[in-house]
Structure formats: structure tokens, C-alpha cells
Amino acid sequence: MKTGPLNESELEWLDDILTKYNTDHAILDVAELDGLLTAVLSSPQEIEPGTVAGCRVGWG
């Protein structure tokens, strides 16, 4: 598994995926995803996978 920051092509790919599957309630771009992940990782409380804002999320 690769570690470290994403390179430019990986960031572009991720941004394309976020744009492709965008909805009114989706993360808009890589910057917004970065903010969400920063908040989750720095939270004083553990956040369960699949839980966002206290609601269970259905993936797929």
C-alpha cells in the first residue's frame, strides 16, 4: 500500500470521481474531502466507519 501524500494525477483522478458522483449532499471536491477527513481524524471522539453526522451511511 502506498503511503504519503497523493501526487497530482491521483488528486485529479479523485476530483474527477467526486465530480462524477456529485449530488446535493455529496462532497464537492478534494479540498472539502480534506476538511472532512481532517475533522474526523482530529475528533476527540472515535467515529465509526460508515457514520456521518450521527447517521449511518449506505455505500452502494
PDB file of N, CA and C in Angstrom:
ATOM      1  N   MET A   1       0.845  -1.178   0.000  1.00  0.00           N
ATOM      2  CA  MET A   1       0.000   0.000   0.000  1.00  0.00           C
ATOM      3  C   MET A   1       0.890   1.241   0.000  1.00  0.00           C
ATOM      4  N   LYS A   2       0.530   2.185  -0.822  1.00  0.00           N
ATOM      5  CA  LYS A   2       1.292   3.431  -0.909  1.00  0.00           C
ATOM      6  C   LYS A   2       0.991   4.310   0.299  1.00  0.00           C
ATOM      7  N   THR A   3       2.010   4.944   0.826  1.00  0.00           N
ATOM      8  CA  THR A   3       1.815   5.906   1.906  1.00  0.00           C
ATOM      9  C   THR A   3       2.320   7.266   1.446  1.00  0.00           C
ATOM     10  N   GLY A   4       1.942   8.285   2.163  1.00  0.00           N
ATOM     11  CA  GLY A   4       2.377   9.632   1.824  1.00  0.00           C
ATOM     12  C   GLY A   4       1.299  10.374   1.054  1.00  0.00           C
ATOM     13  N   PRO A   5       1.587  11.608   0.703  1.00  0.00           N
ATOM     14  CA  PRO A   5       0.588  12.428   0.009  1.00  0.00           C
ATOM     15  C   PRO A   5       0.325  11.919  -1.408  1.00  0.00           C
ATOM     16  N   LEU A   6      -0.863  12.235  -1.915  1.00  0.00           N
ATOM     17  CA  LEU A   6      -1.211  11.874  -3.285  1.00  0.00           C
ATOM     18  C   LEU A   6      -0.452  12.764  -4.258  1.00  0.00           C
ATOM     19  N   ASN A   7      -0.098  12.193  -5.422  1.00  0.00           N
ATOM     20  CA  ASN A   7       0.555  13.013  -6.440  1.00  0.00           C
ATOM     21  C   ASN A   7      -0.517  13.741  -7.263  1.00  0.00           C
ATOM     22  N   GLU A   8      -0.096  14.575  -8.188  1.00  0.00           N
ATOM     23  CA  GLU A   8      -1.024  15.422  -8.950  1.00  0.00           C
ATOM     24  C   GLU A   8      -2.041  14.603  -9.744  1.00  0.00           C
ATOM     25  N   SER A   9      -1.606  13.523 -10.386  1.00  0.00           N
ATOM     26  CA  SER A   9      -2.543  12.717 -11.181  1.00  0.00           C
ATOM     27  C   SER A   9      -3.553  11.999 -10.287  1.00  0.00           C
ATOM     28  N   GLU A  10      -3.138  11.571  -9.106  1.00  0.00           N
ATOM     29  CA  GLU A  10      -4.068  10.934  -8.166  1.00  0.00           C
ATOM     30  C   GLU A  10      -5.100  11.932  -7.652  1.00  0.00           C
ATOM     31  N   LEU A  11      -4.670  13.159  -7.374  1.00  0.00           N
ATOM     32  CA  LEU A  11      -5.604  14.201  -6.936  1.00  0.00           C
ATOM     33  C   LEU A  11      -6.605  14.544  -8.035  1.00  0.00           C
ATOM     34  N   GLU A  12      -6.143  14.609  -9.284  1.00  0.00           N
ATOM     35  CA  GLU A  12      -7.043  14.881 -10.408  1.00  0.00           C
ATOM     36  C   GLU A  12      -8.059  13.757 -10.572  1.00  0.00           C
ATOM     37  N   TRP A  13      -7.595  12.488 -10.453  1.00  0.00           N
ATOM     38  CA  TRP A  13      -8.497  11.341 -10.552  1.00  0.00           C
ATOM     39  C   TRP A  13      -9.560  11.409  -9.460  1.00  0.00           C
ATOM     40  N   LEU A  14      -9.151  11.679  -8.240  1.00  0.00           N
ATOM     41  CA  LEU A  14     -10.085  11.765  -7.122  1.00  0.00           C
ATOM     42  C   LEU A  14     -11.083  12.898  -7.332  1.00  0.00           C
ATOM     43  N   ASP A  15     -10.615  14.029  -7.801  1.00  0.00           N
ATOM     44  CA  ASP A  15     -11.500  15.160  -8.080  1.00  0.00           C
ATOM     45  C   ASP A  15     -12.503  14.804  -9.182  1.00  0.00           C
ATOM     46  N   ASP A  16     -12.050  14.075 -10.207  1.00  0.00           N
ATOM     47  CA  ASP A  16     -12.954  13.629 -11.278  1.00  0.00           C
ATOM     48  C   ASP A  16     -14.033  12.696 -10.735  1.00  0.00           C
ATOM     49  N   ILE A  17     -13.668  11.782  -9.849  1.00  0.00           N
ATOM     50  CA  ILE A  17     -14.638  10.856  -9.253  1.00  0.00           C
ATOM     51  C   ILE A  17     -15.649  11.617  -8.409  1.00  0.00           C
ATOM     52  N   LEU A  18     -15.186  12.565  -7.605  1.00  0.00           N
ATOM     53  CA  LEU A  18     -16.101  13.361  -6.783  1.00  0.00           C
ATOM     54  C   LEU A  18     -17.059  14.165  -7.658  1.00  0.00           C
ATOM     55  N   THR A  19     -16.576  14.683  -8.767  1.00  0.00           N
ATOM     56  CA  THR A  19     -17.427  15.433  -9.696  1.00  0.00           C
ATOM     57  C   THR A  19     -18.431  14.508 -10.375  1.00  0.00           C
ATOM     58  N   LYS A  20     -17.988  13.339 -10.791  1.00  0.00           N
ATOM     59  CA  LYS A  20     -18.850  12.381 -11.499  1.00  0.00           C
ATOM     60  C   LYS A  20     -20.031  11.935 -10.643  1.00  0.00           C
ATOM     61  N   TYR A  21     -19.800  11.684  -9.369  1.00  0.00           N
ATOM     62  CA  TYR A  21     -20.843  11.163  -8.485  1.00  0.00           C
ATOM     63  C   TYR A  21     -21.425  12.239  -7.571  1.00  0.00           C
ATOM     64  N   ASN A  22     -21.306  13.485  -7.948  1.00  0.00           N
ATOM     65  CA  ASN A  22     -21.777  14.603  -7.136  1.00  0.00           C
ATOM     66  C   ASN A  22     -23.304  14.626  -7.036  1.00  0.00           C
ATOM     67  N   THR A  23     -23.800  14.859  -5.831  1.00  0.00           N
ATOM     68  CA  THR A  23     -25.225  15.085  -5.580  1.00  0.00           C
ATOM     69  C   THR A  23     -25.330  16.303  -4.669  1.00  0.00           C
ATOM     70  N   ASP A  24     -26.554  16.673  -4.333  1.00  0.00           N
ATOM     71  CA  ASP A  24     -26.759  17.827  -3.451  1.00  0.00           C
ATOM     72  C   ASP A  24     -26.131  17.637  -2.069  1.00  0.00           C
ATOM     73  N   HIS A  25     -25.960  16.386  -1.646  1.00  0.00           N
ATOM     74  CA  HIS A  25     -25.448  16.108  -0.299  1.00  0.00           C
ATOM     75  C   HIS A  25     -24.045  15.504  -0.322  1.00  0.00           C
ATOM     76  N   ALA A  26     -23.385  15.548  -1.466  1.00  0.00           N
ATOM     77  CA  ALA A  26     -22.074  14.918  -1.614  1.00  0.00           C
ATOM     78  C   ALA A  26     -20.942  15.912  -1.353  1.00  0.00           C
ATOM     79  N   ILE A  27     -19.770  15.362  -1.129  1.00  0.00           N
ATOM     80  CA  ILE A  27     -18.560  16.170  -1.029  1.00  0.00           C
ATOM     81  C   ILE A  27     -18.262  16.716  -2.421  1.00  0.00           C
ATOM     82  N   LEU A  28     -17.999  18.010  -2.512  1.00  0.00           N
ATOM     83  CA  LEU A  28     -17.872  18.671  -3.810  1.00  0.00           C
ATOM     84  C   LEU A  28     -16.517  18.482  -4.483  1.00  0.00           C
ATOM     85  N   ASP A  29     -15.439  18.524  -3.701  1.00  0.00           N
ATOM     86  CA  ASP A  29     -14.111  18.466  -4.306  1.00  0.00           C
ATOM     87  C   ASP A  29     -13.088  17.961  -3.294  1.00  0.00           C
ATOM     88  N   VAL A  30     -11.850  17.857  -3.744  1.00  0.00           N
ATOM     89  CA  VAL A  30     -10.770  17.324  -2.911  1.00  0.00           C
ATOM     90  C   VAL A  30     -10.541  18.181  -1.668  1.00  0.00           C
ATOM     91  N   ALA A  31     -10.687  19.486  -1.789  1.00  0.00           N
ATOM     92  CA  ALA A  31     -10.490  20.369  -0.632  1.00  0.00           C
ATOM     93  C   ALA A  31     -11.531  20.091   0.448  1.00  0.00           C
ATOM     94  N   GLU A  32     -12.778  19.873   0.045  1.00  0.00           N
ATOM     95  CA  GLU A  32     -13.828  19.568   1.022  1.00  0.00           C
ATOM     96  C   GLU A  32     -13.593  18.197   1.657  1.00  0.00           C
ATOM     97  N   LEU A  33     -13.152  17.221   0.863  1.00  0.00           N
ATOM     98  CA  LEU A  33     -12.828  15.898   1.393  1.00  0.00           C
ATOM     99  C   LEU A  33     -11.688  15.995   2.402  1.00  0.00           C
ATOM    100  N   ASP A  34     -10.685  16.797   2.097  1.00  0.00           N
ATOM    101  CA  ASP A  34      -9.566  17.011   3.013  1.00  0.00           C
ATOM    102  C   ASP A  34     -10.054  17.575   4.347  1.00  0.00           C
ATOM    103  N   GLY A  35     -10.958  18.541   4.288  1.00  0.00           N
ATOM    104  CA  GLY A  35     -11.512  19.116   5.512  1.00  0.00           C
ATOM    105  C   GLY A  35     -12.275  18.100   6.337  1.00  0.00           C
ATOM    106  N   LEU A  36     -13.085  17.270   5.665  1.00  0.00           N
ATOM    107  CA  LEU A  36     -13.846  16.233   6.371  1.00  0.00           C
ATOM    108  C   LEU A  36     -12.907  15.240   7.047  1.00  0.00           C
ATOM    109  N   LEU A  37     -11.925  14.751   6.307  1.00  0.00           N
ATOM    110  CA  LEU A  37     -11.002  13.769   6.881  1.00  0.00           C
ATOM    111  C   LEU A  37     -10.171  14.358   8.016  1.00  0.00           C
ATOM    112  N   THR A  38      -9.785  15.611   7.898  1.00  0.00           N
ATOM    113  CA  THR A  38      -9.062  16.285   8.977  1.00  0.00           C
ATOM    114  C   THR A  38      -9.921  16.357  10.233  1.00  0.00           C
ATOM    115  N   ALA A  39     -11.199  16.701  10.069  1.00  0.00           N
ATOM    116  CA  ALA A  39     -12.112  16.776  11.216  1.00  0.00           C
ATOM    117  C   ALA A  39     -12.309  15.406  11.853  1.00  0.00           C
ATOM    118  N   VAL A  40     -12.467  14.377  11.036  1.00  0.00           N
ATOM    119  CA  VAL A  40     -12.671  13.022  11.564  1.00  0.00           C
ATOM    120  C   VAL A  40     -11.431  12.556  12.325  1.00  0.00           C
ATOM    121  N   LEU A  41     -10.262  12.771  11.744  1.00  0.00           N
ATOM    122  CA  LEU A  41      -9.029  12.302  12.378  1.00  0.00           C
ATOM    123  C   LEU A  41      -8.652  13.081  13.626  1.00  0.00           C
ATOM    124  N   SER A  42      -9.057  14.334  13.710  1.00  0.00           N
ATOM    125  CA  SER A  42      -8.701  15.144  14.877  1.00  0.00           C
ATOM    126  C   SER A  42      -9.812  15.205  15.922  1.00  0.00           C
ATOM    127  N   SER A  43     -10.896  14.487  15.679  1.00  0.00           N
ATOM    128  CA  SER A  43     -12.020  14.480  16.617  1.00  0.00           C
ATOM    129  C   SER A  43     -11.609  13.857  17.952  1.00  0.00           C
ATOM    130  N   PRO A  44     -12.082  14.409  19.063  1.00  0.00           N
ATOM    131  CA  PRO A  44     -11.781  13.809  20.359  1.00  0.00           C
ATOM    132  C   PRO A  44     -12.541  12.500  20.577  1.00  0.00           C
ATOM    133  N   GLN A  45     -13.564  12.252  19.759  1.00  0.00           N
ATOM    134  CA  GLN A  45     -14.337  11.019  19.863  1.00  0.00           C
ATOM    135  C   GLN A  45     -14.085  10.153  18.637  1.00  0.00           C
ATOM    136  N   GLU A  46     -14.055   8.829  18.859  1.00  0.00           N
ATOM    137  CA  GLU A  46     -13.889   7.910  17.742  1.00  0.00           C
ATOM    138  C   GLU A  46     -15.165   7.900  16.905  1.00  0.00           C
ATOM    139  N   ILE A  47     -15.012   7.947  15.600  1.00  0.00           N
ATOM    140  CA  ILE A  47     -16.151   7.934  14.687  1.00  0.00           C
ATOM    141  C   ILE A  47     -16.155   6.602  13.956  1.00  0.00           C
ATOM    142  N   GLU A  48     -17.270   5.866  14.064  1.00  0.00           N
ATOM    143  CA  GLU A  48     -17.378   4.564  13.420  1.00  0.00           C
ATOM    144  C   GLU A  48     -17.345   4.702  11.906  1.00  0.00           C
ATOM    145  N   PRO A  49     -16.704   3.746  11.221  1.00  0.00           N
ATOM    146  CA  PRO A  49     -16.770   3.752   9.760  1.00  0.00           C
ATOM    147  C   PRO A  49     -18.226   3.679   9.301  1.00  0.00           C
ATOM    148  N   GLY A  50     -18.575   4.434   8.281  1.00  0.00           N
ATOM    149  CA  GLY A  50     -19.941   4.432   7.770  1.00  0.00           C
ATOM    150  C   GLY A  50     -20.881   5.344   8.524  1.00  0.00           C
ATOM    151  N   THR A  51     -20.364   6.122   9.468  1.00  0.00           N
ATOM    152  CA  THR A  51     -21.203   7.044  10.225  1.00  0.00           C
ATOM    153  C   THR A  51     -20.789   8.478   9.905  1.00  0.00           C
ATOM    154  N   VAL A  52     -21.764   9.287   9.519  1.00  0.00           N
ATOM    155  CA  VAL A  52     -21.503  10.697   9.227  1.00  0.00           C
ATOM    156  C   VAL A  52     -22.574  11.517   9.921  1.00  0.00           C
ATOM    157  N   ALA A  53     -22.171  12.462  10.734  1.00  0.00           N
ATOM    158  CA  ALA A  53     -23.099  13.346  11.451  1.00  0.00           C
ATOM    159  C   ALA A  53     -24.141  12.552  12.238  1.00  0.00           C
ATOM    160  N   GLY A  54     -23.719  11.434  12.811  1.00  0.00           N
ATOM    161  CA  GLY A  54     -24.622  10.645  13.642  1.00  0.00           C
ATOM    162  C   GLY A  54     -25.571   9.746  12.874  1.00  0.00           C
ATOM    163  N   CYS A  55     -25.472   9.715  11.550  1.00  0.00           N
ATOM    164  CA  CYS A  55     -26.359   8.892  10.719  1.00  0.00           C
ATOM    165  C   CYS A  55     -25.549   7.798  10.042  1.00  0.00           C
ATOM    166  N   ARG A  56     -26.141   6.608   9.939  1.00  0.00           N
ATOM    167  CA  ARG A  56     -25.491   5.528   9.204  1.00  0.00           C
ATOM    168  C   ARG A  56     -25.563   5.839   7.719  1.00  0.00           C
ATOM    169  N   VAL A  57     -24.490   5.561   7.019  1.00  0.00           N
ATOM    170  CA  VAL A  57     -24.420   5.842   5.585  1.00  0.00           C
ATOM    171  C   VAL A  57     -24.447   4.527   4.827  1.00  0.00           C
ATOM    172  N   GLY A  58     -25.256   4.464   3.781  1.00  0.00           N
ATOM    173  CA  GLY A  58     -25.299   3.268   2.941  1.00  0.00           C
ATOM    174  C   GLY A  58     -24.422   3.459   1.722  1.00  0.00           C
ATOM    175  N   TRP A  59     -23.399   2.652   1.593  1.00  0.00           N
ATOM    176  CA  TRP A  59     -22.499   2.746   0.441  1.00  0.00           C
ATOM    177  C   TRP A  59     -22.871   1.650  -0.532  1.00  0.00           C
ATOM    178  N   GLY A  60     -23.448   2.036  -1.646  1.00  0.00           N
ATOM    179  CA  GLY A  60     -23.739   1.044  -2.685  1.00  0.00           C
ATOM    180  C   GLY A  60     -25.092   0.610  -2.650  1.00  0.00           C
TER     181      GLY A  60
END
